[in-house]
Structure formats: structure tokens, C-alpha cells
Protein backbone atom coordinates (compact mmCIF):
# COMPACT_ATOMS: atom_id res chain seq x y z
CA MET A 1 6.27 62.51 -81.73
CA LYS A 2 5.51 61.63 -85.34
CA GLY A 3 7.84 63.16 -87.91
CA LEU A 4 10.08 65.23 -85.63
CA ALA A 5 13.20 63.05 -85.66
CA GLY A 6 15.99 64.84 -87.49
CA ARG A 7 14.02 68.07 -87.90
CA VAL A 8 15.64 71.41 -87.13
CA VAL A 9 13.60 73.38 -84.60
CA LEU A 10 14.22 77.02 -83.72
CA VAL A 11 12.90 78.05 -80.30
CA THR A 12 12.87 81.68 -79.18
CA GLY A 13 12.82 82.60 -75.51
CA ALA A 14 14.68 79.31 -75.10
CA ALA A 15 16.20 80.13 -71.70
CA GLY A 16 12.86 80.68 -69.97
CA GLY A 17 10.70 78.13 -68.18
CA ILE A 18 8.54 77.23 -71.17
CA GLY A 19 11.53 77.59 -73.50
CA ARG A 20 13.56 74.99 -71.62
CA ALA A 21 10.62 72.60 -71.62
CA LEU A 22 10.27 73.11 -75.37
CA GLY A 23 13.95 72.41 -75.93
CA ALA A 24 13.84 69.26 -73.84
CA GLY A 25 10.67 68.02 -75.52
CA PHE A 26 11.87 68.51 -79.08
CA ALA A 27 15.29 67.06 -78.30
CA ALA A 28 13.67 63.97 -76.77
CA ALA A 29 11.64 63.60 -79.98
CA GLY A 30 14.87 63.46 -81.96
CA ALA A 31 14.91 67.01 -83.27
CA ARG A 32 17.94 69.28 -83.39
CA VAL A 33 17.17 72.41 -81.38
CA ALA A 34 18.48 75.89 -82.13
CA ALA A 35 17.99 77.93 -78.95
CA LEU A 36 17.57 81.68 -79.34
CA ASP A 37 17.31 84.09 -76.42
CA GLY A 38 18.26 87.67 -75.65
CA ARG A 39 20.00 86.61 -72.44
CA GLY A 40 23.28 85.13 -73.58
CA ASP A 41 24.41 84.11 -70.09
CA ALA A 42 21.18 82.19 -69.53
CA LEU A 43 21.58 80.26 -72.77
CA ASP A 44 24.54 78.38 -71.30
CA ALA A 45 22.10 76.66 -68.97
CA VAL A 46 19.92 75.30 -71.81
CA PRO A 47 21.15 71.70 -71.92
CA ASP A 48 19.19 70.30 -74.85
CA ALA A 49 20.22 72.75 -77.58
CA ALA A 50 22.43 71.73 -80.49
CA PHE A 51 23.05 75.41 -81.27
CA ARG A 52 22.70 78.55 -79.15
CA VAL A 53 22.59 82.18 -80.19
CA ALA A 54 21.99 85.34 -78.16
CA VAL A 55 20.08 88.04 -80.02
CA ASP A 56 17.37 90.61 -79.32
CA ILE A 57 14.29 89.62 -81.31
CA ARG A 58 13.47 93.31 -81.77
CA ASP A 59 16.56 93.57 -83.98
CA ALA A 60 15.39 92.36 -87.41
CA ALA A 61 18.88 92.44 -88.95
CA GLY A 62 20.35 90.63 -85.96
CA ILE A 63 17.63 87.99 -86.17
CA ALA A 64 18.28 87.42 -89.87
CA ALA A 65 22.00 86.93 -89.14
CA ALA A 66 21.25 84.59 -86.21
CA VAL A 67 18.95 82.42 -88.33
CA GLU A 68 21.61 82.28 -91.02
CA ARG A 69 24.15 81.07 -88.45
CA ALA A 70 21.73 78.47 -87.07
CA GLU A 71 20.99 77.12 -90.53
CA ALA A 72 24.68 76.98 -91.39
CA ALA A 73 25.26 74.90 -88.26
CA LEU A 74 22.21 72.61 -88.31
CA GLY A 75 20.48 72.90 -91.68
CA MET A 76 17.34 74.70 -92.78
CA ILE A 77 14.71 75.45 -90.15
CA ASP A 78 11.82 72.99 -90.31
CA VAL A 79 9.93 74.19 -87.24
CA LEU A 80 9.77 77.62 -85.65
CA VAL A 81 8.39 78.11 -82.15
CA ASN A 82 7.90 81.79 -81.37
CA ASN A 83 7.93 81.53 -77.60
CA ALA A 84 9.73 84.72 -76.49
CA GLY A 85 7.63 87.21 -74.56
CA TYR A 86 7.40 89.30 -71.43
CA THR A 87 5.20 91.78 -69.57
CA HIS A 88 5.68 94.29 -66.77
CA ALA A 89 2.88 96.83 -67.26
CA GLU A 90 0.08 95.40 -65.11
CA SER A 91 -2.81 97.77 -65.88
CA LEU A 92 -3.85 100.58 -68.20
CA GLU A 93 -2.81 103.05 -65.52
CA THR A 94 0.75 101.72 -65.44
CA THR A 95 1.06 101.26 -69.22
CA ASP A 96 2.76 104.39 -70.50
CA ALA A 97 3.86 104.90 -74.11
CA ALA A 98 7.28 103.34 -73.55
CA ALA A 99 5.85 100.23 -71.90
CA TRP A 100 3.27 99.85 -74.66
CA GLN A 101 5.91 100.11 -77.38
CA ALA A 102 8.31 97.71 -75.68
CA GLU A 103 5.73 94.99 -75.05
CA ILE A 104 4.29 95.18 -78.57
CA GLU A 105 7.81 94.98 -80.03
CA VAL A 106 8.84 91.92 -78.02
CA ASN A 107 5.58 89.97 -78.02
CA LEU A 108 4.37 90.68 -81.57
CA THR A 109 6.91 92.42 -83.79
CA GLY A 110 9.68 90.15 -82.52
CA ALA A 111 7.71 87.09 -83.60
CA ARG A 112 7.28 88.62 -87.03
CA ASN A 113 11.01 89.32 -87.26
CA VAL A 114 11.90 85.69 -86.60
CA THR A 115 9.15 84.33 -88.83
CA THR A 116 10.25 86.55 -91.71
CA ALA A 117 13.80 85.26 -91.37
CA VAL A 118 12.80 81.59 -91.76
CA LEU A 119 10.05 81.89 -94.37
CA ALA A 120 12.23 81.97 -97.48
CA GLY A 121 13.71 78.58 -96.61
CA MET A 122 10.33 77.08 -95.75
CA LYS A 123 8.72 78.38 -98.93
CA GLY A 124 11.60 77.12 -101.06
CA ARG A 125 11.24 73.60 -99.65
CA ARG A 126 7.43 73.88 -99.60
CA ARG A 127 7.13 72.73 -96.02
CA GLY A 128 7.36 74.09 -92.51
CA ALA A 129 5.53 74.41 -89.21
CA ILE A 130 5.20 77.56 -87.13
CA VAL A 131 3.91 77.49 -83.56
CA ASN A 132 3.25 80.87 -81.99
CA VAL A 133 2.99 80.86 -78.21
CA ALA A 134 0.29 83.43 -77.54
CA SER A 135 -1.71 83.55 -74.30
CA VAL A 136 -5.19 83.36 -72.86
CA ASN A 137 -4.63 87.10 -72.36
CA GLY A 138 -5.16 87.40 -76.11
CA LEU A 139 -8.64 85.91 -75.70
CA LEU A 140 -9.97 87.67 -72.59
CA HIS A 141 -8.83 90.45 -70.30
CA LEU A 142 -6.74 89.28 -67.35
CA GLY A 143 -4.60 92.38 -66.87
CA ASN A 144 -1.40 93.42 -68.67
CA PRO A 145 -3.13 95.33 -71.51
CA ALA A 146 -0.12 95.86 -73.79
CA TYR A 147 0.91 92.21 -73.51
CA SER A 148 -2.69 91.16 -74.12
CA ALA A 149 -3.00 93.35 -77.20
CA ALA A 150 0.24 91.92 -78.57
CA LYS A 151 -0.86 88.34 -77.96
CA ALA A 152 -4.23 89.00 -79.62
CA GLY A 153 -2.27 90.39 -82.55
CA LEU A 154 -0.10 87.27 -82.57
CA ILE A 155 -3.23 85.12 -82.89
CA ALA A 156 -4.40 87.22 -85.85
CA TYR A 157 -0.92 87.04 -87.39
CA THR A 158 -1.00 83.25 -87.01
CA ARG A 159 -4.22 83.06 -89.00
CA ALA A 160 -2.77 85.29 -91.69
CA LEU A 161 0.25 82.99 -91.98
CA ALA A 162 -1.97 79.92 -92.18
CA VAL A 163 -4.18 81.34 -94.92
CA GLU A 164 -1.51 82.95 -97.06
CA LEU A 165 1.25 80.33 -96.73
CA GLY A 166 -0.75 77.12 -96.82
CA ARG A 167 -0.14 76.83 -100.58
CA TYR A 168 3.56 76.42 -99.77
CA GLY A 169 2.92 73.55 -97.38
CA ILE A 170 3.55 75.78 -94.36
CA ARG A 171 1.31 75.37 -91.32
CA ALA A 172 0.89 77.98 -88.57
CA ASN A 173 -0.91 77.51 -85.27
CA ALA A 174 -1.18 79.37 -81.98
CA LEU A 175 -0.96 78.11 -78.43
CA CYS A 176 -2.69 80.02 -75.64
CA PRO A 177 -1.36 78.95 -72.25
CA GLY A 178 -3.02 80.00 -69.04
CA THR A 179 -0.97 80.58 -65.91
CA VAL A 180 2.17 78.47 -66.21
CA ARG A 181 4.33 77.57 -63.24
CA THR A 182 7.62 79.16 -64.42
CA PRO A 183 10.31 81.41 -62.94
CA ALA A 184 8.59 84.35 -64.65
CA TRP A 185 6.12 84.29 -61.75
CA ALA A 186 8.88 84.69 -59.17
CA GLU A 187 8.32 88.42 -58.65
CA ARG A 188 4.59 88.01 -58.06
CA VAL A 189 5.14 85.01 -55.80
CA ALA A 190 7.73 86.95 -53.81
CA ALA A 191 5.22 89.74 -53.23
CA ARG A 192 2.28 87.40 -52.62
CA PRO A 193 3.48 83.87 -51.75
CA ALA A 194 -0.01 82.36 -51.90
CA ILE A 195 -0.91 83.76 -55.31
CA LEU A 196 -0.67 80.53 -57.32
CA GLU A 197 -2.59 78.63 -54.67
CA ARG A 198 -5.30 81.29 -54.62
CA MET A 199 -5.60 81.23 -58.41
CA ARG A 200 -6.45 77.54 -58.46
CA ARG A 201 -10.11 78.32 -57.82
CA PHE A 202 -10.44 79.89 -61.27
CA TYR A 203 -9.26 76.73 -63.05
CA PRO A 204 -11.65 73.81 -63.59
CA LEU A 205 -8.73 71.37 -63.20
CA ASP A 206 -7.97 73.01 -59.83
CA ARG A 207 -4.35 73.78 -60.72
CA VAL A 208 -2.20 75.88 -63.02
CA VAL A 209 -0.29 74.67 -66.08
CA GLU A 210 3.16 73.05 -66.03
CA PRO A 211 5.74 74.09 -68.68
CA GLU A 212 5.98 70.54 -70.01
CA GLU A 213 2.26 70.60 -70.83
CA VAL A 214 2.75 73.63 -73.07
CA ALA A 215 5.70 71.88 -74.70
CA ASP A 216 3.65 68.73 -75.34
CA ALA A 217 1.01 70.77 -77.14
CA ALA A 218 3.67 72.55 -79.20
CA LEU A 219 5.22 69.23 -80.20
CA PHE A 220 1.85 68.00 -81.40
CA LEU A 221 1.21 71.09 -83.51
CA ALA A 222 4.71 70.93 -84.99
CA SER A 223 4.54 67.23 -85.76
CA ASP A 224 3.12 65.27 -88.67
CA ALA A 225 0.34 64.15 -86.33
CA ALA A 226 -1.12 67.63 -86.92
CA SER A 227 -0.52 67.61 -90.68
CA ALA A 228 -4.05 68.89 -91.40
CA VAL A 229 -4.10 71.42 -88.57
CA THR A 230 -3.39 75.05 -89.46
CA GLY A 231 -4.80 78.36 -88.31
CA ALA A 232 -5.88 76.76 -85.05
CA VAL A 233 -5.84 78.38 -81.62
CA LEU A 234 -5.27 75.77 -78.93
CA THR A 235 -5.74 76.71 -75.29
CA VAL A 236 -3.52 74.98 -72.73
CA ASP A 237 -5.11 76.52 -69.67
CA CYS A 238 -6.51 73.86 -67.33
CA GLY A 239 -9.98 74.95 -68.45
CA LEU A 240 -9.72 78.66 -67.61
CA THR A 241 -11.35 79.88 -70.83
CA ALA A 242 -14.11 77.26 -70.64
CA GLY A 243 -15.87 79.24 -67.93
CA ASN A 244 -15.67 80.87 -64.52
CA ARG A 245 -16.18 78.46 -61.61
CA PRO A 246 -16.59 81.08 -58.86
CA MET A 247 -19.16 82.97 -60.94
CA ALA A 248 -21.05 79.78 -61.73
CA ALA A 249 -21.09 78.92 -58.04
CA GLU A 250 -22.51 82.34 -57.19
CA ILE A 251 -25.33 81.78 -59.67
CA THR A 252 -26.13 78.24 -58.58
CA GLY A 253 -25.48 78.73 -54.88
CA GLU A 254 -22.98 75.88 -54.79
CA ASP A 255 -19.63 75.84 -53.00
CA VAL A 256 -16.56 76.45 -55.16
């Protein structure tokens, strides 16, 4: 991908399904990848990282120290991909105060913590690219209300970064994946083995997203090929947010 060779890329949530695809994609493009994840044992299985650090993204001081270590090892961060995230509270009824706080902290405040830690270097060099992995849940309700609120906030934060930091040559964009075939779905699949197959009917492309497809979009937004793109929200969702096929079929009387 244009302009990524030799760049230093920090990926959060690097040990997850999308995180590993991001690491592999950036490494294949010639970048040096700093892998950050809260699960230290899982980081050992991230093969494409030039540097690995285990830290909780809710810990602002710990994040600042981790970024300092990464930059000492690899050089200043050129690209930040805020990919870390999680959700367990499925509905409003199951979202108590503790669940709300935890999911906002990981999915939104954590991204701010990491971004804050790399901004001084980016501003000083007057260049940088930030890719925030949000979700289609930030655009429409699909369950998981705390997660959705955090991802909507992440989209708004992305726009704030783009507008206020553009004068420093820093670009910020958001990715909104739909359902992605990752290990994060293991619990749901264990409970309902046919769930991913059943969900296909909601996607115009008749399938869910693969992790590598999210990574490809992130590489584009981070690269010089997107040098004039900032403040954008790019859906990688197999058409989910374009419209509802089953509903359209009900209206038209056609088969789904």
C-alpha cells in the first residue's frame, strides 16, 4: 500500500481476530507493527509484530509508558489504529451501571487514552494517520447499547480529531465494520451454531465480513493513497447499512 513501507504502526487489540489481520496487513506492506493488547499471553501468538506490549487501555498512565517504550524500540508512531473493543451487555435490560461504565471506558475512553499518548509526536512532526475502528452499531441499533453508544462517540471523536488536528497534517478516519467472522463470536456461535448462517439474509452480499477485509480498509485509510481523506466514516459491512433486504422483500412481495 502506498507510503506504508518503513512506517511505525501502533495497533491496539492486536491479539484479536481483526487485530491479527491488521498486524499481518501492515507488516506485509512493509510497516513496523507495535502490537498492544491487554492480554499479555495472547500477544505471544501475534506473529507479525516488531514490538509487543501488554497494557490495559483504560490505564492512561500505563498507556503513555507503553507508547514511550514502543517509540524507543521502533521510532515515533506514524499510524495509530484504535482497534481494541469488547461488549457483553446485550440489551438495555442487562446493561447495569457497571457494564455501562466498563464498555464506555474500553471502547471510547481507551481510544482517547492511546490517541492522547501519540499526538505530541505526530503534531511535532506535522504528520500522522489515525484509524478508529468503530462499528455499524454506532450508526444504527443492533443491540449492545453501551457498546453502541461508545462506538457512536468514537465516530464523533474521530471527526473532532480530523477538524482540530488537520492543520498539523494529522488525518483521522473511522471504520465501521458489520459482523466480522472472528473468535469474538465464539460464545454466540456455541449457543446458537447457525447464527452466522442465519444472519446472511440481512447482508446484501449474502455473507458476513472477513477480518482481512477490515484490515484492507484500514491500510487504505492509513496510507498515502488516502492523503486527502479525513473525518470520513467508512462502512465495511457487506452492505448492511445500505438497506434491509428482508424488509424490502416484505414490501415488494419478493423472495429474500
